[in-house]
Amino acid sequence: MKENVLAELYQTVEQRKAEEQEGSYTCYLFEKGLDKILKKCGEECSEVIIAAKNGDNQETVLEISDLLYHLTVLMVNEGISLADVEAELEKRSKKTGNLKQFHQVDKNS
């Protein structure tokens, strides 16, 4: 298994954006623009949910992979680096006790 497959994916997507290749799905997404990329991210997110709800781990892995790919295309399109996301995740990993407090409704009022 490759050491950092997400970094390699990011680099490949960057290359596709810089150098169009005929028949490339990635190039097609960049050509269609942000709305198409966002639509695909939404579709793949829904497919992850459905696969997980169905308890099909193999299908869930496939759909998560599709989602990560489309999110990577979104990141490259918007100029968000993998390092930006990694830094945010590292910052969050240092937090403890950050369970959000939910608004409690007083049912007696």
PDB file of N, CA and C in Angstrom:
ATOM      1  N   MET A   1       0.834  -1.190   0.000  1.00  0.00           N
ATOM      2  CA  MET A   1       0.000   0.000   0.000  1.00  0.00           C
ATOM      3  C   MET A   1       0.873   1.246   0.000  1.00  0.00           C
ATOM      4  N   LYS A   2       0.476   2.228  -0.785  1.00  0.00           N
ATOM      5  CA  LYS A   2       1.239   3.468  -0.877  1.00  0.00           C
ATOM      6  C   LYS A   2       1.168   4.213   0.444  1.00  0.00           C
ATOM      7  N   GLU A   3       2.237   4.952   0.737  1.00  0.00           N
ATOM      8  CA  GLU A   3       2.330   5.644   2.025  1.00  0.00           C
ATOM      9  C   GLU A   3       1.302   6.753   2.172  1.00  0.00           C
ATOM     10  N   ASN A   4       1.150   7.588   1.146  1.00  0.00           N
ATOM     11  CA  ASN A   4       0.194   8.676   1.278  1.00  0.00           C
ATOM     12  C   ASN A   4      -0.635   8.793   0.003  1.00  0.00           C
ATOM     13  N   VAL A   5      -1.572   7.899  -0.123  1.00  0.00           N
ATOM     14  CA  VAL A   5      -2.389   7.827  -1.328  1.00  0.00           C
ATOM     15  C   VAL A   5      -3.232   9.087  -1.528  1.00  0.00           C
ATOM     16  N   LEU A   6      -3.656   9.744  -0.458  1.00  0.00           N
ATOM     17  CA  LEU A   6      -4.430  10.983  -0.600  1.00  0.00           C
ATOM     18  C   LEU A   6      -3.572  12.109  -1.185  1.00  0.00           C
ATOM     19  N   ALA A   7      -2.320  12.168  -0.779  1.00  0.00           N
ATOM     20  CA  ALA A   7      -1.418  13.190  -1.340  1.00  0.00           C
ATOM     21  C   ALA A   7      -1.176  12.919  -2.820  1.00  0.00           C
ATOM     22  N   GLU A   8      -1.039  11.662  -3.184  1.00  0.00           N
ATOM     23  CA  GLU A   8      -0.847  11.318  -4.593  1.00  0.00           C
ATOM     24  C   GLU A   8      -2.102  11.629  -5.406  1.00  0.00           C
ATOM     25  N   LEU A   9      -3.269  11.355  -4.843  1.00  0.00           N
ATOM     26  CA  LEU A   9      -4.520  11.692  -5.509  1.00  0.00           C
ATOM     27  C   LEU A   9      -4.602  13.199  -5.727  1.00  0.00           C
ATOM     28  N   TYR A  10      -4.272  13.970  -4.700  1.00  0.00           N
ATOM     29  CA  TYR A  10      -4.317  15.426  -4.795  1.00  0.00           C
ATOM     30  C   TYR A  10      -3.407  15.909  -5.922  1.00  0.00           C
ATOM     31  N   GLN A  11      -2.193  15.361  -5.983  1.00  0.00           N
ATOM     32  CA  GLN A  11      -1.239  15.758  -7.030  1.00  0.00           C
ATOM     33  C   GLN A  11      -1.763  15.406  -8.423  1.00  0.00           C
ATOM     34  N   THR A  12      -2.371  14.247  -8.564  1.00  0.00           N
ATOM     35  CA  THR A  12      -2.935  13.841  -9.846  1.00  0.00           C
ATOM     36  C   THR A  12      -4.052  14.781 -10.274  1.00  0.00           C
ATOM     37  N   VAL A  13      -4.919  15.145  -9.329  1.00  0.00           N
ATOM     38  CA  VAL A  13      -6.021  16.061  -9.635  1.00  0.00           C
ATOM     39  C   VAL A  13      -5.464  17.437 -10.022  1.00  0.00           C
ATOM     40  N   GLU A  14      -4.433  17.893  -9.309  1.00  0.00           N
ATOM     41  CA  GLU A  14      -3.790  19.164  -9.677  1.00  0.00           C
ATOM     42  C   GLU A  14      -3.238  19.118 -11.099  1.00  0.00           C
ATOM     43  N   GLN A  15      -2.605  18.004 -11.446  1.00  0.00           N
ATOM     44  CA  GLN A  15      -2.051  17.846 -12.791  1.00  0.00           C
ATOM     45  C   GLN A  15      -3.141  17.886 -13.852  1.00  0.00           C
ATOM     46  N   ARG A  16      -4.271  17.246 -13.570  1.00  0.00           N
ATOM     47  CA  ARG A  16      -5.381  17.240 -14.529  1.00  0.00           C
ATOM     48  C   ARG A  16      -5.938  18.642 -14.730  1.00  0.00           C
ATOM     49  N   LYS A  17      -5.940  19.430 -13.657  1.00  0.00           N
ATOM     50  CA  LYS A  17      -6.433  20.800 -13.784  1.00  0.00           C
ATOM     51  C   LYS A  17      -5.465  21.634 -14.618  1.00  0.00           C
ATOM     52  N   ALA A  18      -4.180  21.410 -14.434  1.00  0.00           N
ATOM     53  CA  ALA A  18      -3.159  22.188 -15.139  1.00  0.00           C
ATOM     54  C   ALA A  18      -3.006  21.753 -16.603  1.00  0.00           C
ATOM     55  N   GLU A  19      -3.144  20.466 -16.863  1.00  0.00           N
ATOM     56  CA  GLU A  19      -2.914  19.927 -18.207  1.00  0.00           C
ATOM     57  C   GLU A  19      -4.108  19.071 -18.611  1.00  0.00           C
ATOM     58  N   GLU A  20      -4.992  19.646 -19.396  1.00  0.00           N
ATOM     59  CA  GLU A  20      -6.190  18.916 -19.806  1.00  0.00           C
ATOM     60  C   GLU A  20      -5.815  17.655 -20.578  1.00  0.00           C
ATOM     61  N   GLN A  21      -6.531  16.587 -20.285  1.00  0.00           N
ATOM     62  CA  GLN A  21      -6.356  15.325 -20.997  1.00  0.00           C
ATOM     63  C   GLN A  21      -7.709  14.904 -21.549  1.00  0.00           C
ATOM     64  N   GLU A  22      -7.747  14.635 -22.827  1.00  0.00           N
ATOM     65  CA  GLU A  22      -8.997  14.221 -23.454  1.00  0.00           C
ATOM     66  C   GLU A  22      -9.478  12.917 -22.826  1.00  0.00           C
ATOM     67  N   GLY A  23     -10.760  12.863 -22.523  1.00  0.00           N
ATOM     68  CA  GLY A  23     -11.355  11.668 -21.940  1.00  0.00           C
ATOM     69  C   GLY A  23     -11.191  11.559 -20.435  1.00  0.00           C
ATOM     70  N   SER A  24     -10.592  12.562 -19.799  1.00  0.00           N
ATOM     71  CA  SER A  24     -10.379  12.546 -18.352  1.00  0.00           C
ATOM     72  C   SER A  24     -11.638  13.032 -17.638  1.00  0.00           C
ATOM     73  N   TYR A  25     -12.149  12.217 -16.741  1.00  0.00           N
ATOM     74  CA  TYR A  25     -13.320  12.599 -15.947  1.00  0.00           C
ATOM     75  C   TYR A  25     -13.000  13.809 -15.069  1.00  0.00           C
ATOM     76  N   THR A  26     -11.797  13.841 -14.530  1.00  0.00           N
ATOM     77  CA  THR A  26     -11.383  14.960 -13.683  1.00  0.00           C
ATOM     78  C   THR A  26     -11.399  16.259 -14.479  1.00  0.00           C
ATOM     79  N   CYS A  27     -10.862  16.222 -15.697  1.00  0.00           N
ATOM     80  CA  CYS A  27     -10.877  17.412 -16.556  1.00  0.00           C
ATOM     81  C   CYS A  27     -12.302  17.825 -16.882  1.00  0.00           C
ATOM     82  N   TYR A  28     -13.165  16.847 -17.108  1.00  0.00           N
ATOM     83  CA  TYR A  28     -14.581  17.122 -17.371  1.00  0.00           C
ATOM     84  C   TYR A  28     -15.198  17.889 -16.204  1.00  0.00           C
ATOM     85  N   LEU A  29     -14.920  17.455 -14.977  1.00  0.00           N
ATOM     86  CA  LEU A  29     -15.463  18.142 -13.805  1.00  0.00           C
ATOM     87  C   LEU A  29     -14.980  19.587 -13.730  1.00  0.00           C
ATOM     88  N   PHE A  30     -13.685  19.801 -13.968  1.00  0.00           N
ATOM     89  CA  PHE A  30     -13.155  21.166 -13.939  1.00  0.00           C
ATOM     90  C   PHE A  30     -13.786  22.014 -15.048  1.00  0.00           C
ATOM     91  N   GLU A  31     -13.983  21.410 -16.203  1.00  0.00           N
ATOM     92  CA  GLU A  31     -14.595  22.130 -17.323  1.00  0.00           C
ATOM     93  C   GLU A  31     -16.028  22.557 -16.992  1.00  0.00           C
ATOM     94  N   LYS A  32     -16.783  21.689 -16.322  1.00  0.00           N
ATOM     95  CA  LYS A  32     -18.174  21.988 -15.978  1.00  0.00           C
ATOM     96  C   LYS A  32     -18.283  22.987 -14.837  1.00  0.00           C
ATOM     97  N   GLY A  33     -17.272  23.021 -13.976  1.00  0.00           N
ATOM     98  CA  GLY A  33     -17.224  24.051 -12.944  1.00  0.00           C
ATOM     99  C   GLY A  33     -17.742  23.636 -11.576  1.00  0.00           C
ATOM    100  N   LEU A  34     -17.784  24.620 -10.707  1.00  0.00           N
ATOM    101  CA  LEU A  34     -18.087  24.414  -9.292  1.00  0.00           C
ATOM    102  C   LEU A  34     -19.445  23.749  -9.065  1.00  0.00           C
ATOM    103  N   ASP A  35     -20.471  24.180  -9.767  1.00  0.00           N
ATOM    104  CA  ASP A  35     -21.801  23.608  -9.537  1.00  0.00           C
ATOM    105  C   ASP A  35     -21.814  22.104  -9.779  1.00  0.00           C
ATOM    106  N   LYS A  36     -21.156  21.654 -10.839  1.00  0.00           N
ATOM    107  CA  LYS A  36     -21.108  20.213 -11.143  1.00  0.00           C
ATOM    108  C   LYS A  36     -20.304  19.471 -10.072  1.00  0.00           C
ATOM    109  N   ILE A  37     -19.200  20.055  -9.663  1.00  0.00           N
ATOM    110  CA  ILE A  37     -18.366  19.424  -8.621  1.00  0.00           C
ATOM    111  C   ILE A  37     -19.156  19.300  -7.325  1.00  0.00           C
ATOM    112  N   LEU A  38     -19.862  20.349  -6.941  1.00  0.00           N
ATOM    113  CA  LEU A  38     -20.665  20.311  -5.719  1.00  0.00           C
ATOM    114  C   LEU A  38     -21.793  19.289  -5.826  1.00  0.00           C
ATOM    115  N   LYS A  39     -22.419  19.207  -6.984  1.00  0.00           N
ATOM    116  CA  LYS A  39     -23.483  18.232  -7.199  1.00  0.00           C
ATOM    117  C   LYS A  39     -22.953  16.814  -7.007  1.00  0.00           C
ATOM    118  N   LYS A  40     -21.774  16.548  -7.559  1.00  0.00           N
ATOM    119  CA  LYS A  40     -21.188  15.214  -7.417  1.00  0.00           C
ATOM    120  C   LYS A  40     -20.815  14.932  -5.964  1.00  0.00           C
ATOM    121  N   CYS A  41     -20.304  15.921  -5.236  1.00  0.00           N
ATOM    122  CA  CYS A  41     -19.994  15.730  -3.811  1.00  0.00           C
ATOM    123  C   CYS A  41     -21.260  15.367  -3.045  1.00  0.00           C
ATOM    124  N   GLY A  42     -22.348  16.062  -3.329  1.00  0.00           N
ATOM    125  CA  GLY A  42     -23.621  15.772  -2.673  1.00  0.00           C
ATOM    126  C   GLY A  42     -24.132  14.385  -2.999  1.00  0.00           C
ATOM    127  N   GLU A  43     -24.059  13.998  -4.262  1.00  0.00           N
ATOM    128  CA  GLU A  43     -24.507  12.663  -4.672  1.00  0.00           C
ATOM    129  C   GLU A  43     -23.700  11.582  -3.965  1.00  0.00           C
ATOM    130  N   GLU A  44     -22.392  11.757  -3.960  1.00  0.00           N
ATOM    131  CA  GLU A  44     -21.535  10.736  -3.348  1.00  0.00           C
ATOM    132  C   GLU A  44     -21.762  10.660  -1.839  1.00  0.00           C
ATOM    133  N   CYS A  45     -22.000  11.790  -1.200  1.00  0.00           N
ATOM    134  CA  CYS A  45     -22.295  11.797   0.232  1.00  0.00           C
ATOM    135  C   CYS A  45     -23.563  10.991   0.512  1.00  0.00           C
ATOM    136  N   SER A  46     -24.583  11.203  -0.296  1.00  0.00           N
ATOM    137  CA  SER A  46     -25.832  10.447  -0.141  1.00  0.00           C
ATOM    138  C   SER A  46     -25.602   8.949  -0.341  1.00  0.00           C
ATOM    139  N   GLU A  47     -24.755   8.606  -1.309  1.00  0.00           N
ATOM    140  CA  GLU A  47     -24.479   7.195  -1.576  1.00  0.00           C
ATOM    141  C   GLU A  47     -23.716   6.547  -0.420  1.00  0.00           C
ATOM    142  N   VAL A  48     -22.848   7.304   0.240  1.00  0.00           N
ATOM    143  CA  VAL A  48     -22.152   6.792   1.435  1.00  0.00           C
ATOM    144  C   VAL A  48     -23.185   6.481   2.520  1.00  0.00           C
ATOM    145  N   ILE A  49     -24.097   7.396   2.731  1.00  0.00           N
ATOM    146  CA  ILE A  49     -25.121   7.222   3.759  1.00  0.00           C
ATOM    147  C   ILE A  49     -25.963   5.982   3.476  1.00  0.00           C
ATOM    148  N   ILE A  50     -26.386   5.829   2.241  1.00  0.00           N
ATOM    149  CA  ILE A  50     -27.225   4.680   1.876  1.00  0.00           C
ATOM    150  C   ILE A  50     -26.468   3.372   2.055  1.00  0.00           C
ATOM    151  N   ALA A  51     -25.230   3.322   1.591  1.00  0.00           N
ATOM    152  CA  ALA A  51     -24.439   2.097   1.719  1.00  0.00           C
ATOM    153  C   ALA A  51     -24.215   1.737   3.185  1.00  0.00           C
ATOM    154  N   ALA A  52     -23.902   2.745   4.002  1.00  0.00           N
ATOM    155  CA  ALA A  52     -23.684   2.487   5.430  1.00  0.00           C
ATOM    156  C   ALA A  52     -24.979   2.039   6.099  1.00  0.00           C
ATOM    157  N   LYS A  53     -26.082   2.685   5.755  1.00  0.00           N
ATOM    158  CA  LYS A  53     -27.380   2.325   6.330  1.00  0.00           C
ATOM    159  C   LYS A  53     -27.756   0.892   5.965  1.00  0.00           C
ATOM    160  N   ASN A  54     -27.353   0.461   4.768  1.00  0.00           N
ATOM    161  CA  ASN A  54     -27.626  -0.904   4.317  1.00  0.00           C
ATOM    162  C   ASN A  54     -26.675  -1.927   4.934  1.00  0.00           C
ATOM    163  N   GLY A  55     -25.683  -1.454   5.687  1.00  0.00           N
ATOM    164  CA  GLY A  55     -24.758  -2.358   6.358  1.00  0.00           C
ATOM    165  C   GLY A  55     -23.802  -3.071   5.419  1.00  0.00           C
ATOM    166  N   ASP A  56     -23.571  -2.484   4.252  1.00  0.00           N
ATOM    167  CA  ASP A  56     -22.699  -3.099   3.253  1.00  0.00           C
ATOM    168  C   ASP A  56     -21.339  -2.411   3.294  1.00  0.00           C
ATOM    169  N   ASN A  57     -20.423  -2.947   4.092  1.00  0.00           N
ATOM    170  CA  ASN A  57     -19.127  -2.301   4.281  1.00  0.00           C
ATOM    171  C   ASN A  57     -18.326  -2.192   2.988  1.00  0.00           C
ATOM    172  N   GLN A  58     -18.398  -3.217   2.147  1.00  0.00           N
ATOM    173  CA  GLN A  58     -17.653  -3.163   0.887  1.00  0.00           C
ATOM    174  C   GLN A  58     -18.164  -2.016   0.016  1.00  0.00           C
ATOM    175  N   GLU A  59     -19.462  -1.874  -0.103  1.00  0.00           N
ATOM    176  CA  GLU A  59     -20.050  -0.782  -0.874  1.00  0.00           C
ATOM    177  C   GLU A  59     -19.773   0.563  -0.206  1.00  0.00           C
ATOM    178  N   THR A  60     -19.785   0.594   1.116  1.00  0.00           N
ATOM    179  CA  THR A  60     -19.499   1.838   1.837  1.00  0.00           C
ATOM    180  C   THR A  60     -18.080   2.307   1.549  1.00  0.00           C
ATOM    181  N   VAL A  61     -17.128   1.391   1.529  1.00  0.00           N
ATOM    182  CA  VAL A  61     -15.736   1.741   1.210  1.00  0.00           C
ATOM    183  C   VAL A  61     -15.645   2.324  -0.199  1.00  0.00           C
ATOM    184  N   LEU A  62     -16.343   1.709  -1.144  1.00  0.00           N
ATOM    185  CA  LEU A  62     -16.338   2.218  -2.519  1.00  0.00           C
ATOM    186  C   LEU A  62     -16.915   3.633  -2.576  1.00  0.00           C
ATOM    187  N   GLU A  63     -18.008   3.844  -1.888  1.00  0.00           N
ATOM    188  CA  GLU A  63     -18.655   5.160  -1.919  1.00  0.00           C
ATOM    189  C   GLU A  63     -17.837   6.216  -1.175  1.00  0.00           C
ATOM    190  N   ILE A  64     -17.196   5.841  -0.068  1.00  0.00           N
ATOM    191  CA  ILE A  64     -16.310   6.781   0.637  1.00  0.00           C
ATOM    192  C   ILE A  64     -15.154   7.177  -0.276  1.00  0.00           C
ATOM    193  N   SER A  65     -14.630   6.213  -1.020  1.00  0.00           N
ATOM    194  CA  SER A  65     -13.539   6.507  -1.956  1.00  0.00           C
ATOM    195  C   SER A  65     -14.000   7.485  -3.030  1.00  0.00           C
ATOM    196  N   ASP A  66     -15.214   7.277  -3.561  1.00  0.00           N
ATOM    197  CA  ASP A  66     -15.766   8.216  -4.539  1.00  0.00           C
ATOM    198  C   ASP A  66     -15.923   9.604  -3.933  1.00  0.00           C
ATOM    199  N   LEU A  67     -16.414   9.664  -2.706  1.00  0.00           N
ATOM    200  CA  LEU A  67     -16.607  10.949  -2.040  1.00  0.00           C
ATOM    201  C   LEU A  67     -15.270  11.658  -1.828  1.00  0.00           C
ATOM    202  N   LEU A  68     -14.266  10.934  -1.359  1.00  0.00           N
ATOM    203  CA  LEU A  68     -12.948  11.539  -1.139  1.00  0.00           C
ATOM    204  C   LEU A  68     -12.359  12.065  -2.443  1.00  0.00           C
ATOM    205  N   TYR A  69     -12.551  11.324  -3.525  1.00  0.00           N
ATOM    206  CA  TYR A  69     -12.077  11.788  -4.829  1.00  0.00           C
ATOM    207  C   TYR A  69     -12.765  13.113  -5.197  1.00  0.00           C
ATOM    208  N   HIS A  70     -14.085  13.157  -5.108  1.00  0.00           N
ATOM    209  CA  HIS A  70     -14.810  14.365  -5.489  1.00  0.00           C
ATOM    210  C   HIS A  70     -14.496  15.537  -4.556  1.00  0.00           C
ATOM    211  N   LEU A  71     -14.288  15.262  -3.272  1.00  0.00           N
ATOM    212  CA  LEU A  71     -13.873  16.317  -2.343  1.00  0.00           C
ATOM    213  C   LEU A  71     -12.480  16.844  -2.711  1.00  0.00           C
ATOM    214  N   THR A  72     -11.618  15.962  -3.181  1.00  0.00           N
ATOM    215  CA  THR A  72     -10.285  16.377  -3.614  1.00  0.00           C
ATOM    216  C   THR A  72     -10.389  17.287  -4.834  1.00  0.00           C
ATOM    217  N   VAL A  73     -11.261  16.941  -5.777  1.00  0.00           N
ATOM    218  CA  VAL A  73     -11.486  17.809  -6.932  1.00  0.00           C
ATOM    219  C   VAL A  73     -11.980  19.176  -6.457  1.00  0.00           C
ATOM    220  N   LEU A  74     -12.893  19.193  -5.509  1.00  0.00           N
ATOM    221  CA  LEU A  74     -13.398  20.448  -4.948  1.00  0.00           C
ATOM    222  C   LEU A  74     -12.266  21.255  -4.317  1.00  0.00           C
ATOM    223  N   MET A  75     -11.427  20.587  -3.539  1.00  0.00           N
ATOM    224  CA  MET A  75     -10.313  21.274  -2.890  1.00  0.00           C
ATOM    225  C   MET A  75      -9.391  21.930  -3.916  1.00  0.00           C
ATOM    226  N   VAL A  76      -9.009  21.180  -4.945  1.00  0.00           N
ATOM    227  CA  VAL A  76      -8.124  21.719  -5.969  1.00  0.00           C
ATOM    228  C   VAL A  76      -8.809  22.874  -6.698  1.00  0.00           C
ATOM    229  N   ASN A  77     -10.068  22.711  -7.028  1.00  0.00           N
ATOM    230  CA  ASN A  77     -10.808  23.763  -7.722  1.00  0.00           C
ATOM    231  C   ASN A  77     -10.837  25.057  -6.916  1.00  0.00           C
ATOM    232  N   GLU A  78     -10.963  24.925  -5.599  1.00  0.00           N
ATOM    233  CA  GLU A  78     -11.087  26.092  -4.724  1.00  0.00           C
ATOM    234  C   GLU A  78      -9.750  26.551  -4.130  1.00  0.00           C
ATOM    235  N   GLY A  79      -8.652  25.897  -4.507  1.00  0.00           N
ATOM    236  CA  GLY A  79      -7.339  26.306  -4.020  1.00  0.00           C
ATOM    237  C   GLY A  79      -7.094  25.959  -2.562  1.00  0.00           C
ATOM    238  N   ILE A  80      -7.749  24.908  -2.093  1.00  0.00           N
ATOM    239  CA  ILE A  80      -7.559  24.438  -0.713  1.00  0.00           C
ATOM    240  C   ILE A  80      -6.560  23.289  -0.751  1.00  0.00           C
ATOM    241  N   SER A  81      -5.475  23.435  -0.043  1.00  0.00           N
ATOM    242  CA  SER A  81      -4.438  22.407  -0.075  1.00  0.00           C
ATOM    243  C   SER A  81      -4.745  21.283   0.910  1.00  0.00           C
ATOM    244  N   LEU A  82      -4.146  20.162   0.647  1.00  0.00           N
ATOM    245  CA  LEU A  82      -4.254  19.038   1.568  1.00  0.00           C
ATOM    246  C   LEU A  82      -3.637  19.420   2.915  1.00  0.00           C
ATOM    247  N   ALA A  83      -2.587  20.208   2.879  1.00  0.00           N
ATOM    248  CA  ALA A  83      -1.945  20.678   4.114  1.00  0.00           C
ATOM    249  C   ALA A  83      -2.898  21.539   4.944  1.00  0.00           C
ATOM    250  N   ASP A  84      -3.741  22.331   4.279  1.00  0.00           N
ATOM    251  CA  ASP A  84      -4.732  23.147   4.999  1.00  0.00           C
ATOM    252  C   ASP A  84      -5.675  22.256   5.802  1.00  0.00           C
ATOM    253  N   VAL A  85      -6.156  21.202   5.167  1.00  0.00           N
ATOM    254  CA  VAL A  85      -7.103  20.292   5.826  1.00  0.00           C
ATOM    255  C   VAL A  85      -6.397  19.504   6.921  1.00  0.00           C
ATOM    256  N   GLU A  86      -5.186  19.035   6.646  1.00  0.00           N
ATOM    257  CA  GLU A  86      -4.423  18.287   7.649  1.00  0.00           C
ATOM    258  C   GLU A  86      -4.150  19.157   8.876  1.00  0.00           C
ATOM    259  N   ALA A  87      -3.827  20.424   8.654  1.00  0.00           N
ATOM    260  CA  ALA A  87      -3.568  21.342   9.784  1.00  0.00           C
ATOM    261  C   ALA A  87      -4.819  21.520  10.623  1.00  0.00           C
ATOM    262  N   GLU A  88      -5.967  21.663   9.978  1.00  0.00           N
ATOM    263  CA  GLU A  88      -7.225  21.815  10.718  1.00  0.00           C
ATOM    264  C   GLU A  88      -7.542  20.549  11.509  1.00  0.00           C
ATOM    265  N   LEU A  89      -7.336  19.391  10.894  1.00  0.00           N
ATOM    266  CA  LEU A  89      -7.596  18.132  11.599  1.00  0.00           C
ATOM    267  C   LEU A  89      -6.652  17.960  12.787  1.00  0.00           C
ATOM    268  N   GLU A  90      -5.396  18.355  12.597  1.00  0.00           N
ATOM    269  CA  GLU A  90      -4.440  18.265  13.710  1.00  0.00           C
ATOM    270  C   GLU A  90      -4.843  19.203  14.837  1.00  0.00           C
ATOM    271  N   LYS A  91      -5.271  20.405  14.499  1.00  0.00           N
ATOM    272  CA  LYS A  91      -5.723  21.367  15.511  1.00  0.00           C
ATOM    273  C   LYS A  91      -6.906  20.800  16.290  1.00  0.00           C
ATOM    274  N   ARG A  92      -7.842  20.189  15.575  1.00  0.00           N
ATOM    275  CA  ARG A  92      -9.013  19.621  16.225  1.00  0.00           C
ATOM    276  C   ARG A  92      -8.665  18.416  17.091  1.00  0.00           C
ATOM    277  N   SER A  93      -7.655  17.659  16.697  1.00  0.00           N
ATOM    278  CA  SER A  93      -7.297  16.467  17.460  1.00  0.00           C
ATOM    279  C   SER A  93      -6.747  16.812  18.837  1.00  0.00           C
ATOM    280  N   LYS A  94      -6.319  18.050  19.013  1.00  0.00           N
ATOM    281  CA  LYS A  94      -5.761  18.491  20.295  1.00  0.00           C
ATOM    282  C   LYS A  94      -6.826  18.978  21.257  1.00  0.00           C
ATOM    283  N   LYS A  95      -8.052  19.139  20.749  1.00  0.00           N
ATOM    284  CA  LYS A  95      -9.144  19.605  21.599  1.00  0.00           C
ATOM    285  C   LYS A  95      -9.728  18.439  22.380  1.00  0.00           C
ATOM    286  N   THR A  96     -10.081  18.705  23.616  1.00  0.00           N
ATOM    287  CA  THR A  96     -10.806  17.717  24.410  1.00  0.00           C
ATOM    288  C   THR A  96     -11.984  18.415  25.067  1.00  0.00           C
ATOM    289  N   GLY A  97     -12.979  17.659  25.382  1.00  0.00           N
ATOM    290  CA  GLY A  97     -14.141  18.223  26.050  1.00  0.00           C
ATOM    291  C   GLY A  97     -14.884  19.215  25.179  1.00  0.00           C
ATOM    292  N   ASN A  98     -14.914  18.930  23.862  1.00  0.00           N
ATOM    293  CA  ASN A  98     -15.545  19.901  22.972  1.00  0.00           C
ATOM    294  C   ASN A  98     -16.910  19.419  22.463  1.00  0.00           C
ATOM    295  N   LEU A  99     -17.557  18.599  23.238  1.00  0.00           N
ATOM    296  CA  LEU A  99     -18.906  18.175  22.885  1.00  0.00           C
ATOM    297  C   LEU A  99     -19.804  19.392  22.919  1.00  0.00           C
ATOM    298  N   LYS A 100     -20.475  19.630  21.822  1.00  0.00           N
ATOM    299  CA  LYS A 100     -21.329  20.814  21.739  1.00  0.00           C
ATOM    300  C   LYS A 100     -22.519  20.668  22.673  1.00  0.00           C
ATOM    301  N   GLN A 101     -22.843  21.740  23.326  1.00  0.00           N
ATOM    302  CA  GLN A 101     -24.004  21.762  24.203  1.00  0.00           C
ATOM    303  C   GLN A 101     -25.223  22.130  23.354  1.00  0.00           C
ATOM    304  N   PHE A 102     -26.228  21.311  23.409  1.00  0.00           N
ATOM    305  CA  PHE A 102     -27.430  21.560  22.636  1.00  0.00           C
ATOM    306  C   PHE A 102     -28.419  22.352  23.472  1.00  0.00           C
ATOM    307  N   HIS A 103     -29.148  23.208  22.790  1.00  0.00           N
ATOM    308  CA  HIS A 103     -30.165  24.026  23.450  1.00  0.00           C
ATOM    309  C   HIS A 103     -31.251  23.117  23.994  1.00  0.00           C
ATOM    310  N   GLN A 104     -31.539  23.255  25.234  1.00  0.00           N
ATOM    311  CA  GLN A 104     -32.578  22.454  25.870  1.00  0.00           C
ATOM    312  C   GLN A 104     -33.859  23.277  25.927  1.00  0.00           C
ATOM    313  N   VAL A 105     -34.931  22.698  25.477  1.00  0.00           N
ATOM    314  CA  VAL A 105     -36.212  23.375  25.484  1.00  0.00           C
ATOM    315  C   VAL A 105     -36.928  23.084  26.802  1.00  0.00           C
ATOM    316  N   ASP A 106     -37.399  24.136  27.437  1.00  0.00           N
ATOM    317  CA  ASP A 106     -38.188  23.977  28.667  1.00  0.00           C
ATOM    318  C   ASP A 106     -39.622  23.696  28.264  1.00  0.00           C
ATOM    319  N   LYS A 107     -40.026  22.457  28.416  1.00  0.00           N
ATOM    320  CA  LYS A 107     -41.365  22.039  27.966  1.00  0.00           C
ATOM    321  C   LYS A 107     -42.472  22.535  28.904  1.00  0.00           C
ATOM    322  N   ASN A 108     -42.108  23.128  30.047  1.00  0.00           N
ATOM    323  CA  ASN A 108     -43.097  23.637  30.984  1.00  0.00           C
ATOM    324  C   ASN A 108     -43.486  25.075  30.712  1.00  0.00           C
ATOM    325  N   SER A 109     -42.824  25.711  29.778  1.00  0.00           N
ATOM    326  CA  SER A 109     -43.156  27.123  29.536  1.00  0.00           C
ATOM    327  C   SER A 109     -44.002  27.305  28.309  1.00  0.00           C
TER     328      SER A 109
END
